[in-house]
Protein backbone atom coordinates (compact mmCIF):
# COMPACT_ATOMS: atom_id res chain seq x y z
CA MET A 1 71.15 205.32 31.18
CA PHE A 2 68.29 205.84 28.75
CA THR A 3 64.87 207.40 29.23
CA GLY A 4 62.04 206.82 26.77
CA THR A 5 58.66 208.50 26.59
CA LEU A 6 55.53 207.36 24.74
CA THR A 7 52.57 209.63 24.22
CA ALA A 8 49.40 207.82 22.95
CA ASP A 9 46.35 209.59 21.52
CA LEU A 10 43.21 207.51 22.30
CA LEU A 11 39.61 207.63 21.18
CA LEU A 12 37.30 206.33 23.79
CA GLY A 13 34.27 204.19 22.92
CA ASP A 14 30.85 204.61 24.49
CA VAL A 15 31.74 207.41 26.91
CA HIS A 16 29.31 210.30 27.50
CA SER A 17 30.83 212.25 30.37
CA LEU A 18 34.15 213.09 32.07
CA LYS A 19 33.21 210.68 34.89
CA GLY A 20 32.77 207.94 32.33
CA LYS A 21 36.13 208.84 30.81
CA ARG A 22 37.82 208.51 34.19
CA ALA A 23 36.30 205.11 34.61
CA VAL A 24 38.00 204.00 31.38
CA VAL A 25 41.33 205.77 31.60
CA ARG A 26 42.22 205.12 35.26
CA PRO A 27 42.33 201.34 34.90
CA ILE A 28 44.45 201.57 31.76
CA VAL A 29 46.98 203.81 33.43
CA ALA A 30 47.04 201.63 36.57
CA GLU A 31 47.60 198.56 34.37
CA LEU A 32 50.51 200.18 32.54
CA ARG A 33 52.15 201.10 35.86
CA ARG A 34 51.57 197.65 37.41
CA ARG A 35 52.58 195.39 34.43
CA PHE A 36 55.50 197.33 33.22
CA ASP A 37 56.90 199.40 36.15
CA VAL A 38 56.66 202.67 34.22
CA ALA A 39 55.43 206.12 35.06
CA ALA A 40 52.07 206.69 33.37
CA ALA A 41 49.40 209.34 33.49
CA GLU A 42 46.71 211.08 31.51
CA VAL A 43 48.61 213.99 30.00
CA GLY A 44 46.26 215.77 27.65
CA ASP A 45 42.74 216.27 26.35
CA GLN A 46 41.41 216.31 29.99
CA ASP A 47 38.43 218.46 29.00
CA LEU A 48 37.26 216.15 26.18
CA HIS A 49 35.17 213.12 27.18
CA ARG A 50 35.88 210.93 24.13
CA ARG A 51 39.56 211.59 23.74
CA ALA A 52 42.52 210.99 26.01
CA GLN A 53 46.32 211.36 25.83
CA VAL A 54 48.26 208.93 27.94
CA GLY A 55 51.90 209.43 28.59
CA VAL A 56 54.37 206.69 29.61
CA ALA A 57 58.03 207.10 30.70
CA ALA A 58 60.56 204.30 31.18
CA VAL A 59 64.18 204.28 32.36
CA ALA A 60 66.73 201.51 31.73
CA GLY A 61 70.38 200.81 31.22
CA ASP A 62 70.21 200.40 27.48
CA ALA A 63 68.05 201.74 24.65
CA GLY A 64 66.85 198.27 23.64
CA GLN A 65 65.25 197.68 27.09
CA VAL A 66 63.50 201.06 26.91
CA ASN A 67 62.13 200.30 23.41
CA ASP A 68 61.01 196.82 24.46
CA VAL A 69 59.04 198.27 27.44
CA LEU A 70 57.50 201.02 25.27
CA ASP A 71 56.62 198.47 22.57
CA ALA A 72 54.78 196.36 25.25
CA CYS A 73 52.95 199.45 26.50
CA GLU A 74 51.88 200.34 22.95
CA ARG A 75 50.61 196.85 22.39
CA LEU A 76 48.61 196.92 25.59
CA LEU A 77 46.91 200.20 24.48
CA ALA A 78 46.21 198.88 20.99
CA GLU A 79 44.62 195.71 22.38
CA ARG A 80 42.20 197.37 24.75
CA PRO A 81 38.71 196.95 23.33
CA GLU A 82 37.27 200.06 24.98
CA VAL A 83 39.72 202.46 23.22
CA THR A 84 41.04 203.00 19.70
CA LEU A 85 44.75 203.91 19.51
CA LEU A 86 44.86 206.79 17.07
CA SER A 87 48.58 207.65 17.19
CA THR A 88 51.68 207.46 19.23
CA HIS A 89 54.75 209.55 19.59
CA ARG A 90 58.07 208.35 21.07
CA ARG A 91 61.27 210.03 22.29
CA LEU A 92 64.45 208.41 23.47
CA HIS A 93 67.01 210.28 25.52
CA SER A 94 70.40 209.19 26.84
CA ASP A 95 72.20 210.69 29.92
CA THR A 96 74.79 212.11 27.52
CA ASP A 97 72.16 214.26 25.63
């Protein structure tokens, strides 16, 4: 069994408050969960209104499946017009680690 994590650093567009930030980040996290059956949450920069870190975790039987799901999640984040994907960080773990 393999577990993969993706942490994405996002710059939010025209957001001027933490309430506005929630209105942008929540639908993105919900879409990641719904479309890809992953665990997803805002994991950092909660006190900054124009920045967000979103974390995604996926579990599958082989590393290729995990990488495919994380690739799709990264593409979704990169294609969202209301955010700019600044960077990503990935980790892959097997049950033998």
